């Protein structure tokens, strides 16, 4: 398992019911290769989930781990030194269903943004390493087939992220 301090850990969502209160817990002793969703039976769905299916829906760089009896998603932590506006835009992207995966560097930090599924929004954001300020971003609002929308500067990037609708993260 990777170093815990280099990741931000979140409860893994159930890909079937998408209930924010759902927890994926380890299967029983005769089916250790499955996860059980705590909320799917209440939605009239079977509770069994395959960990490989959940892993396949996650963006590159995101890891899974069992912690406290539930499946958790580890998203690479944002680099130190981001300004308040940049942190607010990243939080807004997360609310819109886009997970951010950071690649820090000495000059510019890159964040890959991706919503689950083939039709989910995806893109990238570039942040100055010294200033912690958003420089530019490109977002493909309707998955791989959609053209990208570019924005330069912190305000334009915030407006672009705000135009995405949650939770499917497509243009609203």
N, C-alpha and C. Protein backbone atom coordinates (compact mmCIF):
# COMPACT_ATOMS: atom_id res chain seq x y z
N UNK A 1 0.85 -1.18 0.00
CA UNK A 1 0.00 0.00 0.00
C UNK A 1 0.89 1.24 0.00
N UNK A 2 0.55 2.29 -0.77
CA UNK A 2 1.36 3.50 -0.84
C UNK A 2 1.35 4.25 0.49
N UNK A 3 2.31 5.17 0.60
CA UNK A 3 2.37 5.99 1.82
C UNK A 3 1.07 6.75 2.01
N UNK A 4 0.51 6.66 3.21
CA UNK A 4 -0.81 7.25 3.48
C UNK A 4 -0.80 8.77 3.37
N UNK A 5 0.33 9.41 3.69
CA UNK A 5 0.34 10.87 3.67
C UNK A 5 0.41 11.45 2.27
N UNK A 6 0.70 10.64 1.26
CA UNK A 6 0.75 11.16 -0.11
C UNK A 6 -0.59 11.02 -0.83
N UNK A 7 -1.60 10.55 -0.11
CA UNK A 7 -2.93 10.38 -0.69
C UNK A 7 -3.99 11.02 0.20
N UNK A 8 -5.07 11.47 -0.44
CA UNK A 8 -6.27 11.89 0.27
C UNK A 8 -7.25 10.73 0.11
N UNK A 9 -7.73 10.20 1.23
CA UNK A 9 -8.57 9.02 1.19
C UNK A 9 -10.04 9.39 1.29
N UNK A 10 -10.85 8.81 0.42
CA UNK A 10 -12.29 9.04 0.39
C UNK A 10 -12.99 7.69 0.34
N UNK A 11 -14.21 7.65 0.79
CA UNK A 11 -15.00 6.43 0.68
C UNK A 11 -15.27 6.15 -0.79
N UNK A 12 -15.06 4.92 -1.20
CA UNK A 12 -15.29 4.54 -2.60
C UNK A 12 -16.79 4.50 -2.88
N UNK A 13 -17.25 5.11 -3.96
CA UNK A 13 -18.67 5.07 -4.28
C UNK A 13 -19.06 3.75 -4.93
N UNK A 14 -20.29 3.37 -4.75
CA UNK A 14 -20.80 2.18 -5.43
C UNK A 14 -21.13 2.58 -6.87
N UNK A 15 -20.56 1.90 -7.86
CA UNK A 15 -20.83 2.27 -9.24
C UNK A 15 -22.26 1.96 -9.69
N UNK A 16 -22.95 1.10 -8.96
CA UNK A 16 -24.30 0.70 -9.36
C UNK A 16 -25.36 1.67 -8.85
N UNK A 17 -25.37 1.94 -7.55
CA UNK A 17 -26.45 2.77 -6.99
C UNK A 17 -26.05 4.24 -6.87
N UNK A 18 -24.75 4.54 -6.83
CA UNK A 18 -24.23 5.91 -6.73
C UNK A 18 -24.79 6.67 -5.53
N UNK A 19 -25.19 5.94 -4.50
CA UNK A 19 -25.71 6.55 -3.29
C UNK A 19 -24.53 7.08 -2.47
N UNK A 20 -24.50 8.37 -2.14
CA UNK A 20 -23.36 8.91 -1.39
C UNK A 20 -23.20 8.32 0.00
N UNK A 21 -24.26 7.72 0.54
CA UNK A 21 -24.17 7.10 1.86
C UNK A 21 -23.73 5.64 1.79
N UNK A 22 -23.55 5.11 0.59
CA UNK A 22 -23.17 3.70 0.42
C UNK A 22 -21.73 3.48 0.84
N UNK A 23 -21.49 2.31 1.42
CA UNK A 23 -20.13 1.88 1.74
C UNK A 23 -19.95 0.52 1.11
N UNK A 24 -18.77 0.29 0.54
CA UNK A 24 -18.43 -1.02 0.00
C UNK A 24 -17.59 -1.75 1.03
N UNK A 25 -18.11 -2.88 1.50
CA UNK A 25 -17.44 -3.64 2.56
C UNK A 25 -17.00 -4.98 2.00
N UNK A 26 -16.04 -5.60 2.68
CA UNK A 26 -15.51 -6.89 2.23
C UNK A 26 -16.61 -7.94 2.20
N UNK A 27 -16.51 -8.85 1.22
CA UNK A 27 -17.49 -9.92 1.09
C UNK A 27 -17.38 -10.91 2.24
N UNK A 28 -18.34 -11.81 2.31
CA UNK A 28 -18.31 -12.80 3.38
C UNK A 28 -17.22 -13.85 3.10
N UNK A 29 -17.05 -14.78 4.03
CA UNK A 29 -15.93 -15.71 3.98
C UNK A 29 -15.94 -16.62 2.75
N UNK A 30 -17.10 -16.96 2.20
CA UNK A 30 -17.11 -17.84 1.04
C UNK A 30 -16.96 -17.06 -0.27
N UNK A 31 -17.02 -15.75 -0.23
CA UNK A 31 -16.82 -14.93 -1.44
C UNK A 31 -15.90 -13.77 -1.11
N UNK A 32 -14.62 -14.06 -0.89
CA UNK A 32 -13.66 -13.01 -0.54
C UNK A 32 -13.30 -12.14 -1.73
N UNK A 33 -13.67 -12.54 -2.94
CA UNK A 33 -13.32 -11.78 -4.14
C UNK A 33 -14.37 -10.73 -4.50
N UNK A 34 -15.36 -10.51 -3.64
CA UNK A 34 -16.41 -9.54 -3.94
C UNK A 34 -16.50 -8.50 -2.84
N UNK A 35 -17.18 -7.41 -3.17
CA UNK A 35 -17.51 -6.37 -2.19
C UNK A 35 -19.03 -6.32 -2.08
N UNK A 36 -19.51 -5.94 -0.92
CA UNK A 36 -20.95 -5.79 -0.71
C UNK A 36 -21.27 -4.32 -0.53
N UNK A 37 -22.28 -3.83 -1.24
CA UNK A 37 -22.74 -2.45 -1.09
C UNK A 37 -23.79 -2.42 0.02
N UNK A 38 -23.63 -1.50 0.96
CA UNK A 38 -24.55 -1.42 2.08
C UNK A 38 -25.90 -0.80 1.70
N UNK A 39 -26.00 -0.13 0.55
CA UNK A 39 -27.23 0.58 0.19
C UNK A 39 -27.98 -0.03 -1.00
N UNK A 40 -27.32 -0.86 -1.82
CA UNK A 40 -27.98 -1.40 -3.01
C UNK A 40 -29.26 -2.18 -2.71
N UNK A 41 -29.32 -3.03 -1.65
CA UNK A 41 -30.58 -3.74 -1.39
C UNK A 41 -31.75 -2.77 -1.18
N UNK A 42 -31.51 -1.62 -0.59
CA UNK A 42 -32.56 -0.63 -0.39
C UNK A 42 -33.02 0.02 -1.68
N UNK A 43 -32.19 -0.07 -2.73
CA UNK A 43 -32.55 0.48 -4.04
C UNK A 43 -33.05 -0.61 -4.99
N UNK A 44 -33.26 -1.83 -4.43
CA UNK A 44 -33.78 -2.92 -5.24
C UNK A 44 -32.73 -3.55 -6.15
N UNK A 45 -31.44 -3.41 -5.82
CA UNK A 45 -30.37 -3.97 -6.64
C UNK A 45 -29.61 -5.01 -5.83
N UNK A 46 -28.94 -5.91 -6.52
CA UNK A 46 -28.09 -6.88 -5.85
C UNK A 46 -26.89 -6.16 -5.24
N UNK A 47 -26.46 -6.57 -4.04
CA UNK A 47 -25.39 -5.82 -3.36
C UNK A 47 -23.98 -6.21 -3.77
N UNK A 48 -23.80 -7.24 -4.62
CA UNK A 48 -22.46 -7.74 -4.92
C UNK A 48 -21.74 -6.88 -5.96
N UNK A 49 -20.50 -6.51 -5.67
CA UNK A 49 -19.69 -5.70 -6.58
C UNK A 49 -18.34 -6.36 -6.77
N UNK A 50 -17.79 -6.26 -7.96
CA UNK A 50 -16.48 -6.82 -8.29
C UNK A 50 -15.44 -5.71 -8.13
N UNK A 51 -14.40 -5.93 -7.30
CA UNK A 51 -13.37 -4.89 -7.14
C UNK A 51 -12.69 -4.49 -8.46
N UNK A 52 -12.54 -5.45 -9.39
CA UNK A 52 -11.91 -5.13 -10.68
C UNK A 52 -12.77 -4.15 -11.47
N UNK A 53 -14.09 -4.26 -11.37
CA UNK A 53 -14.99 -3.33 -12.07
C UNK A 53 -14.85 -1.92 -11.49
N UNK A 54 -14.73 -1.83 -10.19
CA UNK A 54 -14.56 -0.53 -9.54
C UNK A 54 -13.23 0.07 -9.93
N UNK A 55 -12.17 -0.73 -9.91
CA UNK A 55 -10.84 -0.24 -10.28
C UNK A 55 -10.80 0.25 -11.72
N UNK A 56 -11.52 -0.44 -12.63
CA UNK A 56 -11.53 -0.07 -14.05
C UNK A 56 -12.19 1.28 -14.29
N UNK A 57 -13.04 1.72 -13.40
CA UNK A 57 -13.75 2.99 -13.57
C UNK A 57 -12.97 4.19 -13.01
N UNK A 58 -11.86 3.93 -12.34
CA UNK A 58 -11.11 5.01 -11.69
C UNK A 58 -10.06 5.58 -12.62
N UNK A 59 -9.77 6.87 -12.49
CA UNK A 59 -8.72 7.48 -13.30
C UNK A 59 -7.34 6.93 -12.94
N UNK A 60 -6.41 7.08 -13.86
CA UNK A 60 -5.03 6.66 -13.64
C UNK A 60 -4.45 7.36 -12.41
N UNK A 61 -3.75 6.62 -11.59
CA UNK A 61 -3.12 7.19 -10.41
C UNK A 61 -3.92 7.06 -9.13
N UNK A 62 -5.19 6.70 -9.24
CA UNK A 62 -6.05 6.53 -8.07
C UNK A 62 -5.90 5.08 -7.59
N UNK A 63 -5.78 4.88 -6.28
CA UNK A 63 -5.59 3.54 -5.73
C UNK A 63 -6.76 3.19 -4.82
N UNK A 64 -6.94 1.89 -4.61
CA UNK A 64 -7.98 1.39 -3.72
C UNK A 64 -7.33 0.70 -2.54
N UNK A 65 -7.95 0.81 -1.37
CA UNK A 65 -7.46 0.11 -0.18
C UNK A 65 -8.63 -0.10 0.78
N UNK A 66 -8.59 -1.20 1.49
CA UNK A 66 -9.57 -1.45 2.54
C UNK A 66 -9.06 -0.77 3.81
N UNK A 67 -9.89 0.04 4.43
CA UNK A 67 -9.52 0.72 5.66
C UNK A 67 -10.78 0.88 6.50
N UNK A 68 -10.69 0.49 7.76
CA UNK A 68 -11.85 0.60 8.64
C UNK A 68 -13.01 -0.27 8.20
N UNK A 69 -12.73 -1.37 7.51
CA UNK A 69 -13.78 -2.28 7.07
C UNK A 69 -14.50 -1.86 5.81
N UNK A 70 -14.08 -0.76 5.16
CA UNK A 70 -14.73 -0.31 3.93
C UNK A 70 -13.69 0.02 2.88
N UNK A 71 -14.08 -0.08 1.63
CA UNK A 71 -13.20 0.26 0.53
C UNK A 71 -13.02 1.76 0.46
N UNK A 72 -11.79 2.20 0.29
CA UNK A 72 -11.49 3.63 0.20
C UNK A 72 -10.72 3.90 -1.09
N UNK A 73 -10.90 5.10 -1.63
CA UNK A 73 -10.17 5.56 -2.81
C UNK A 73 -9.07 6.49 -2.33
N UNK A 74 -7.86 6.26 -2.80
CA UNK A 74 -6.75 7.15 -2.51
C UNK A 74 -6.42 7.98 -3.72
N UNK A 75 -6.62 9.28 -3.61
CA UNK A 75 -6.33 10.22 -4.69
C UNK A 75 -5.03 10.93 -4.33
N UNK A 76 -4.04 10.95 -5.25
CA UNK A 76 -2.80 11.64 -4.90
C UNK A 76 -3.07 13.04 -4.36
N UNK A 77 -2.46 13.34 -3.23
CA UNK A 77 -2.69 14.62 -2.55
C UNK A 77 -2.18 15.77 -3.40
N UNK A 78 -2.86 16.89 -3.28
CA UNK A 78 -2.45 18.10 -3.99
C UNK A 78 -1.10 18.58 -3.45
N UNK A 79 -0.28 19.16 -4.31
CA UNK A 79 1.01 19.66 -3.84
C UNK A 79 0.84 20.81 -2.85
N UNK A 80 1.85 21.04 -2.04
CA UNK A 80 1.85 22.15 -1.09
C UNK A 80 1.98 23.47 -1.86
N UNK A 81 1.44 24.53 -1.31
CA UNK A 81 1.61 25.86 -1.88
C UNK A 81 0.52 26.31 -2.83
N UNK A 82 -0.57 25.55 -2.96
CA UNK A 82 -1.67 26.02 -3.81
C UNK A 82 -2.36 27.19 -3.11
N UNK A 83 -2.71 28.22 -3.89
CA UNK A 83 -3.39 29.35 -3.25
C UNK A 83 -4.86 29.00 -2.98
N UNK A 84 -5.53 29.85 -2.24
CA UNK A 84 -6.91 29.58 -1.81
C UNK A 84 -7.86 29.43 -3.00
N UNK A 85 -7.67 30.24 -4.03
CA UNK A 85 -8.54 30.17 -5.20
C UNK A 85 -8.37 28.83 -5.92
N UNK A 86 -7.14 28.38 -6.05
CA UNK A 86 -6.88 27.09 -6.70
C UNK A 86 -7.50 25.96 -5.89
N UNK A 87 -7.33 25.98 -4.58
CA UNK A 87 -7.94 24.94 -3.74
C UNK A 87 -9.46 24.95 -3.87
N UNK A 88 -10.06 26.15 -4.00
CA UNK A 88 -11.52 26.25 -4.16
C UNK A 88 -11.96 25.66 -5.50
N UNK A 89 -11.20 25.88 -6.56
CA UNK A 89 -11.55 25.32 -7.88
C UNK A 89 -11.42 23.80 -7.85
N UNK A 90 -10.39 23.28 -7.19
CA UNK A 90 -10.22 21.83 -7.07
C UNK A 90 -11.40 21.24 -6.27
N UNK A 91 -11.81 21.91 -5.21
CA UNK A 91 -12.96 21.44 -4.42
C UNK A 91 -14.23 21.48 -5.26
N UNK A 92 -14.41 22.51 -6.07
CA UNK A 92 -15.58 22.61 -6.95
C UNK A 92 -15.56 21.48 -7.97
N UNK A 93 -14.40 21.17 -8.53
CA UNK A 93 -14.29 20.08 -9.49
C UNK A 93 -14.69 18.76 -8.83
N UNK A 94 -14.27 18.56 -7.58
CA UNK A 94 -14.62 17.35 -6.85
C UNK A 94 -16.13 17.27 -6.64
N UNK A 95 -16.76 18.39 -6.31
CA UNK A 95 -18.22 18.43 -6.17
C UNK A 95 -18.92 18.08 -7.47
N UNK A 96 -18.30 18.43 -8.58
CA UNK A 96 -18.88 18.17 -9.90
C UNK A 96 -18.57 16.75 -10.39
N UNK A 97 -17.94 15.94 -9.55
CA UNK A 97 -17.67 14.55 -9.90
C UNK A 97 -16.33 14.29 -10.55
N UNK A 98 -15.46 15.29 -10.62
CA UNK A 98 -14.14 15.12 -11.22
C UNK A 98 -13.10 14.85 -10.15
N UNK A 99 -12.47 13.69 -10.20
CA UNK A 99 -11.37 13.40 -9.29
C UNK A 99 -10.10 14.03 -9.86
N UNK A 100 -9.31 14.65 -9.02
CA UNK A 100 -8.05 15.25 -9.48
C UNK A 100 -6.89 14.36 -9.09
N UNK A 101 -6.02 14.09 -10.04
CA UNK A 101 -4.81 13.31 -9.81
C UNK A 101 -3.63 14.21 -10.13
N UNK A 102 -2.83 14.51 -9.12
CA UNK A 102 -1.76 15.50 -9.25
C UNK A 102 -0.44 14.87 -9.66
N UNK A 103 0.30 15.60 -10.51
CA UNK A 103 1.69 15.29 -10.85
C UNK A 103 2.50 16.56 -10.57
N UNK A 104 3.07 16.67 -9.37
CA UNK A 104 3.83 17.87 -9.05
C UNK A 104 5.16 17.92 -9.81
N UNK A 105 5.65 19.13 -10.04
CA UNK A 105 6.98 19.31 -10.63
C UNK A 105 7.56 20.62 -10.10
N UNK A 106 8.78 20.91 -10.48
CA UNK A 106 9.45 22.11 -10.00
C UNK A 106 8.91 23.38 -10.66
N UNK A 107 8.38 23.29 -11.88
CA UNK A 107 7.92 24.48 -12.61
C UNK A 107 6.40 24.61 -12.62
N UNK A 108 5.74 23.53 -13.03
CA UNK A 108 4.28 23.57 -13.13
C UNK A 108 3.71 22.24 -12.65
N UNK A 109 2.68 22.33 -11.83
CA UNK A 109 1.97 21.14 -11.38
C UNK A 109 0.85 20.86 -12.38
N UNK A 110 0.64 19.58 -12.70
CA UNK A 110 -0.44 19.18 -13.59
C UNK A 110 -1.43 18.35 -12.80
N UNK A 111 -2.70 18.65 -12.98
CA UNK A 111 -3.77 17.86 -12.37
C UNK A 111 -4.61 17.29 -13.50
N UNK A 112 -4.72 15.98 -13.54
CA UNK A 112 -5.63 15.32 -14.47
C UNK A 112 -6.97 15.25 -13.77
N UNK A 113 -8.03 15.67 -14.47
CA UNK A 113 -9.39 15.66 -13.92
C UNK A 113 -10.19 14.62 -14.68
N UNK A 114 -10.89 13.76 -13.96
CA UNK A 114 -11.68 12.73 -14.65
C UNK A 114 -12.88 12.32 -13.82
N UNK A 115 -14.02 12.23 -14.49
CA UNK A 115 -15.24 11.67 -13.90
C UNK A 115 -15.31 10.21 -14.30
N UNK A 116 -15.94 9.36 -13.49
CA UNK A 116 -16.01 7.94 -13.84
C UNK A 116 -16.85 7.70 -15.08
N UNK A 117 -16.55 6.61 -15.77
CA UNK A 117 -17.33 6.20 -16.93
C UNK A 117 -16.83 6.80 -18.22
N UNK A 118 -17.17 6.17 -19.34
CA UNK A 118 -16.68 6.63 -20.64
C UNK A 118 -17.28 7.96 -21.09
N UNK A 119 -18.45 8.32 -20.57
CA UNK A 119 -19.08 9.57 -20.98
C UNK A 119 -18.85 10.69 -19.99
N UNK A 120 -18.07 10.44 -18.95
CA UNK A 120 -17.79 11.46 -17.95
C UNK A 120 -16.78 12.48 -18.46
N UNK A 121 -16.86 13.67 -17.92
CA UNK A 121 -15.93 14.74 -18.31
C UNK A 121 -14.52 14.35 -17.90
N UNK A 122 -13.54 14.88 -18.62
CA UNK A 122 -12.15 14.66 -18.28
C UNK A 122 -11.34 15.83 -18.83
N UNK A 123 -10.17 16.00 -18.33
CA UNK A 123 -9.31 17.07 -18.82
C UNK A 123 -8.09 17.22 -17.93
N UNK A 124 -7.51 18.39 -17.96
CA UNK A 124 -6.32 18.67 -17.17
C UNK A 124 -6.28 20.12 -16.77
N UNK A 125 -5.50 20.41 -15.75
CA UNK A 125 -5.33 21.77 -15.26
C UNK A 125 -3.84 21.96 -14.96
N UNK A 126 -3.32 23.12 -15.30
CA UNK A 126 -1.92 23.45 -15.06
C UNK A 126 -1.85 24.57 -14.02
N UNK A 127 -0.99 24.36 -13.00
CA UNK A 127 -0.86 25.30 -11.89
C UNK A 127 0.61 25.66 -11.72
N UNK A 128 0.88 26.93 -11.55
CA UNK A 128 2.26 27.38 -11.33
C UNK A 128 2.79 26.85 -10.01
N UNK A 129 4.01 26.29 -10.04
CA UNK A 129 4.57 25.68 -8.83
C UNK A 129 4.93 26.74 -7.78
N UNK A 130 5.40 27.89 -8.19
CA UNK A 130 5.78 28.92 -7.21
C UNK A 130 4.59 29.71 -6.70
N UNK A 131 3.69 30.09 -7.62
CA UNK A 131 2.56 30.93 -7.24
C UNK A 131 1.39 30.13 -6.68
N UNK A 132 1.26 28.87 -7.07
CA UNK A 132 0.11 28.07 -6.67
C UNK A 132 -1.16 28.49 -7.39
N UNK A 133 -0.99 29.25 -8.47
CA UNK A 133 -2.11 29.85 -9.22
C UNK A 133 -2.42 29.03 -10.47
N UNK A 134 -3.70 28.90 -10.79
CA UNK A 134 -4.12 28.19 -11.99
C UNK A 134 -3.67 28.99 -13.21
N UNK A 135 -3.02 28.31 -14.15
CA UNK A 135 -2.58 28.96 -15.38
C UNK A 135 -3.56 28.72 -16.53
N UNK A 136 -3.93 27.47 -16.72
CA UNK A 136 -4.84 27.13 -17.82
C UNK A 136 -5.44 25.76 -17.57
N UNK A 137 -6.48 25.45 -18.33
CA UNK A 137 -7.12 24.13 -18.23
C UNK A 137 -7.83 23.81 -19.53
N UNK A 138 -8.01 22.54 -19.77
CA UNK A 138 -8.82 22.04 -20.87
C UNK A 138 -9.74 20.96 -20.31
N UNK A 139 -11.02 21.02 -20.64
CA UNK A 139 -11.98 20.02 -20.18
C UNK A 139 -12.79 19.54 -21.38
N UNK A 140 -12.92 18.21 -21.48
CA UNK A 140 -13.78 17.58 -22.48
C UNK A 140 -15.06 17.22 -21.72
N UNK A 141 -16.13 18.00 -21.87
CA UNK A 141 -17.29 17.87 -21.00
C UNK A 141 -18.14 16.61 -21.18
N UNK A 142 -18.07 15.97 -22.32
CA UNK A 142 -18.92 14.79 -22.53
C UNK A 142 -18.10 13.57 -22.93
N UNK A 143 -16.99 13.37 -22.29
CA UNK A 143 -16.19 12.17 -22.52
C UNK A 143 -15.24 12.30 -23.68
N UNK A 144 -14.76 11.16 -24.11
CA UNK A 144 -13.71 11.09 -25.13
C UNK A 144 -14.13 11.65 -26.48
N UNK A 145 -15.41 11.56 -26.80
CA UNK A 145 -15.86 11.99 -28.13
C UNK A 145 -16.08 13.50 -28.24
N UNK A 146 -16.11 14.20 -27.13
CA UNK A 146 -16.41 15.64 -27.16
C UNK A 146 -15.14 16.46 -27.35
N UNK A 147 -15.25 17.56 -28.08
CA UNK A 147 -14.11 18.45 -28.19
C UNK A 147 -13.83 19.13 -26.85
N UNK A 148 -12.58 19.51 -26.65
CA UNK A 148 -12.20 20.15 -25.39
C UNK A 148 -12.53 21.63 -25.38
N UNK A 149 -12.84 22.13 -24.19
CA UNK A 149 -13.06 23.56 -23.98
C UNK A 149 -11.86 24.06 -23.21
N UNK A 150 -11.20 25.09 -23.72
CA UNK A 150 -10.00 25.62 -23.07
C UNK A 150 -10.31 26.89 -22.31
N UNK A 151 -9.58 27.06 -21.23
CA UNK A 151 -9.72 28.27 -20.43
C UNK A 151 -8.33 28.66 -19.93
N UNK A 152 -8.05 29.94 -19.94
CA UNK A 152 -6.77 30.44 -19.44
C UNK A 152 -7.04 31.41 -18.30
N UNK A 153 -6.31 31.26 -17.22
CA UNK A 153 -6.47 32.14 -16.07
C UNK A 153 -7.40 31.55 -15.03
N UNK A 154 -7.20 31.94 -13.78
CA UNK A 154 -7.97 31.36 -12.68
C UNK A 154 -9.48 31.54 -12.79
N UNK A 155 -9.93 32.74 -13.16
CA UNK A 155 -11.37 33.00 -13.22
C UNK A 155 -12.05 32.21 -14.34
N UNK A 156 -11.40 32.15 -15.50
CA UNK A 156 -11.97 31.41 -16.63
C UNK A 156 -12.03 29.91 -16.33
N UNK A 157 -10.99 29.38 -15.66
CA UNK A 157 -11.00 27.96 -15.31
C UNK A 157 -12.10 27.67 -14.29
N UNK A 158 -12.28 28.56 -13.31
CA UNK A 158 -13.35 28.37 -12.33
C UNK A 158 -14.71 28.37 -13.02
N UNK A 159 -14.93 29.30 -13.95
CA UNK A 159 -16.19 29.35 -14.68
C UNK A 159 -16.42 28.08 -15.51
N UNK A 160 -15.34 27.56 -16.10
CA UNK A 160 -15.45 26.33 -16.89
C UNK A 160 -15.85 25.17 -15.99
N UNK A 161 -15.19 25.02 -14.86
CA UNK A 161 -15.53 23.93 -13.93
C UNK A 161 -16.94 24.12 -13.38
N UNK A 162 -17.33 25.35 -13.10
CA UNK A 162 -18.68 25.62 -12.58
C UNK A 162 -19.76 25.29 -13.60
N UNK A 163 -19.42 25.31 -14.90
CA UNK A 163 -20.42 25.01 -15.93
C UNK A 163 -20.73 23.53 -16.03
N UNK A 164 -19.92 22.69 -15.38
CA UNK A 164 -20.18 21.26 -15.40
C UNK A 164 -21.26 20.93 -14.39
N UNK A 165 -22.11 19.98 -14.73
CA UNK A 165 -23.17 19.59 -13.81
C UNK A 165 -22.76 18.34 -13.06
N UNK A 166 -23.13 18.25 -11.82
CA UNK A 166 -22.82 17.08 -10.99
C UNK A 166 -23.96 16.09 -11.12
N UNK A 167 -23.80 14.82 -10.87
CA UNK A 167 -22.56 14.09 -10.64
C UNK A 167 -21.96 13.53 -11.91
N UNK A 168 -22.68 13.50 -13.04
CA UNK A 168 -22.15 12.95 -14.27
C UNK A 168 -21.09 13.81 -14.89
N UNK A 169 -20.96 15.03 -14.43
CA UNK A 169 -19.95 15.98 -14.90
C UNK A 169 -20.00 16.17 -16.41
N UNK A 170 -21.14 16.61 -16.90
CA UNK A 170 -21.25 17.05 -18.29
C UNK A 170 -21.74 18.49 -18.25
N UNK A 171 -21.65 19.18 -19.38
CA UNK A 171 -22.02 20.58 -19.38
C UNK A 171 -23.49 20.73 -19.04
N UNK A 172 -23.79 21.63 -18.10
CA UNK A 172 -25.16 21.82 -17.63
C UNK A 172 -25.93 22.80 -18.43
